Amino acid sequence: METKAALKALAALAQDSRLAIFRHLVEVGPEGVHAGAIAETLGLPGATLSFHLKELHHAELVESRQEGRFVRYTANLATVQAMVGYLTETCCGGRPEMCMPVATPLPLPTVKRKPTRPQ
């Protein structure tokens, strides 16, 4: 990964709604989810969600595919893996095997989600 691409991805994730969207897509997994479900889960208005998804897509952090009149979004984990590789390529004085495993998730508190609106 080049520095410019890493900066684009890091900048896209440096906003609370975009980070929440991306983390939700990672949680959902490779099957992805429709935009409406993301909006409902995270309590984001459609226009706001659309803006943030566009930014994440521009940074190559999400992929989308049309399914009839809906769009399904998935996290692009290849970009994240490339970014982690970029950030850790000189880890431990150029001996990355000493830093393995790099991508082991740390235990984090559960993400607080905005309550959904009653239907």
Protein backbone atom coordinates (compact mmCIF):
# COMPACT_ATOMS: atom_id res chain seq x y z
CA MET A 1 0.00 0.00 0.00
CA GLU A 2 1.27 3.44 -0.84
CA THR A 3 1.29 6.30 1.65
CA LYS A 4 -1.44 8.20 -0.23
CA ALA A 5 -3.83 5.22 -0.08
CA ALA A 6 -3.07 4.64 3.61
CA LEU A 7 -3.79 8.29 4.39
CA LYS A 8 -7.06 8.12 2.47
CA ALA A 9 -8.19 5.03 4.40
CA LEU A 10 -7.10 6.37 7.78
CA ALA A 11 -8.80 9.72 7.11
CA ALA A 12 -12.03 7.96 6.14
CA LEU A 13 -12.03 6.01 9.39
CA ALA A 14 -11.20 9.09 11.47
CA GLN A 15 -14.88 10.03 11.82
CA ASP A 16 -17.22 8.40 14.33
CA SER A 17 -20.10 7.52 11.99
CA ARG A 18 -17.82 6.12 9.29
CA LEU A 19 -15.90 4.08 11.85
CA ALA A 20 -19.19 2.73 13.24
CA ILE A 21 -20.39 1.85 9.72
CA PHE A 22 -17.15 0.07 8.89
CA ARG A 23 -17.10 -1.84 12.18
CA HIS A 24 -20.71 -2.88 11.61
CA LEU A 25 -19.86 -4.19 8.14
CA VAL A 26 -16.92 -6.14 9.57
CA GLU A 27 -19.24 -7.59 12.22
CA VAL A 28 -21.84 -8.59 9.61
CA GLY A 29 -19.21 -10.45 7.61
CA PRO A 30 -18.76 -11.25 3.94
CA GLU A 31 -22.48 -11.53 3.16
CA GLY A 32 -22.81 -7.77 3.78
CA VAL A 33 -25.97 -5.84 4.42
CA HIS A 34 -28.30 -3.45 2.62
CA ALA A 35 -27.94 0.27 3.25
CA GLY A 36 -31.34 0.48 4.92
CA ALA A 37 -30.33 -2.10 7.52
CA ILE A 38 -27.16 -0.14 8.28
CA ALA A 39 -29.19 3.04 8.74
CA GLU A 40 -31.64 1.28 11.02
CA THR A 41 -28.99 -0.45 13.11
CA LEU A 42 -26.87 2.66 13.59
CA GLY A 43 -29.71 5.17 13.70
CA LEU A 44 -28.39 7.24 10.81
CA PRO A 45 -30.57 9.21 8.39
CA GLY A 46 -30.41 7.93 4.81
CA ALA A 47 -28.70 11.01 3.37
CA THR A 48 -26.05 10.98 6.09
CA LEU A 49 -25.42 7.26 5.60
CA SER A 50 -25.14 7.73 1.84
CA PHE A 51 -22.50 10.45 2.31
CA HIS A 52 -20.45 8.30 4.69
CA LEU A 53 -20.70 5.20 2.51
CA LYS A 54 -19.47 7.25 -0.44
CA GLU A 55 -16.44 8.36 1.58
CA LEU A 56 -15.70 4.78 2.70
CA HIS A 57 -16.10 3.54 -0.87
CA HIS A 58 -13.77 6.27 -2.17
CA ALA A 59 -11.15 5.07 0.35
CA GLU A 60 -11.72 1.47 -0.88
CA LEU A 61 -12.86 0.38 2.58
CA VAL A 62 -16.28 -0.82 1.44
CA GLU A 63 -17.56 -2.54 -1.66
CA SER A 64 -21.09 -2.37 -2.99
CA ARG A 65 -23.21 -4.40 -5.34
CA GLN A 66 -26.60 -3.66 -6.77
CA GLU A 67 -29.37 -6.14 -5.94
CA GLY A 68 -32.48 -4.97 -7.72
CA ARG A 69 -33.37 -1.62 -6.21
CA PHE A 70 -31.18 -2.21 -3.14
CA VAL A 71 -27.43 -1.88 -2.65
CA ARG A 72 -25.58 -4.38 -0.49
CA TYR A 73 -22.40 -3.21 1.24
CA THR A 74 -19.48 -5.25 2.53
CA ALA A 75 -16.24 -4.32 4.26
CA ASN A 76 -13.20 -4.53 2.01
CA LEU A 77 -10.87 -6.37 4.36
CA ALA A 78 -8.09 -6.49 1.76
CA THR A 79 -7.67 -2.72 2.14
CA VAL A 80 -7.53 -3.02 5.92
CA GLN A 81 -4.99 -5.83 5.72
CA ALA A 82 -2.87 -3.75 3.35
CA MET A 83 -3.13 -0.78 5.73
CA VAL A 84 -2.07 -2.89 8.72
CA GLY A 85 0.81 -4.23 6.64
CA TYR A 86 1.80 -0.70 5.67
CA LEU A 87 1.72 0.45 9.31
CA THR A 88 3.71 -2.52 10.58
CA GLU A 89 6.13 -3.23 7.73
CA THR A 90 9.08 -1.98 9.76
CA CYS A 91 7.77 -3.40 13.02
CA CYS A 92 10.41 -4.57 15.48
CA GLY A 93 13.30 -3.14 13.47
CA GLY A 94 12.33 -4.86 10.25
CA ARG A 95 11.70 -8.23 11.93
CA PRO A 96 7.88 -8.43 11.71
CA GLU A 97 7.83 -12.07 12.85
CA MET A 98 8.55 -10.74 16.35
CA CYS A 99 5.33 -8.72 16.25
CA MET A 100 2.99 -11.51 15.13
CA PRO A 101 0.11 -11.86 15.13
CA VAL A 102 -0.54 -8.29 14.06
CA ALA A 103 -4.28 -8.58 13.44
CA THR A 104 -5.35 -10.29 16.66
CA PRO A 105 -8.23 -8.19 17.96
CA LEU A 106 -7.95 -6.83 21.46
CA PRO A 107 -10.89 -7.22 23.80
CA LEU A 108 -12.90 -4.04 23.45
CA PRO A 109 -16.05 -2.85 25.17
CA THR A 110 -19.21 -3.39 23.17
CA VAL A 111 -20.07 -0.67 20.71
CA LYS A 112 -22.84 1.58 21.92
CA ARG A 113 -25.42 1.88 19.17
CA LYS A 114 -28.03 4.52 18.81
CA PRO A 115 -31.48 3.16 19.63
CA THR A 116 -33.61 2.44 16.60
CA ARG A 117 -36.80 4.35 16.05
CA PRO A 118 -40.02 2.50 16.73
CA GLN A 119 -41.79 1.42 13.54
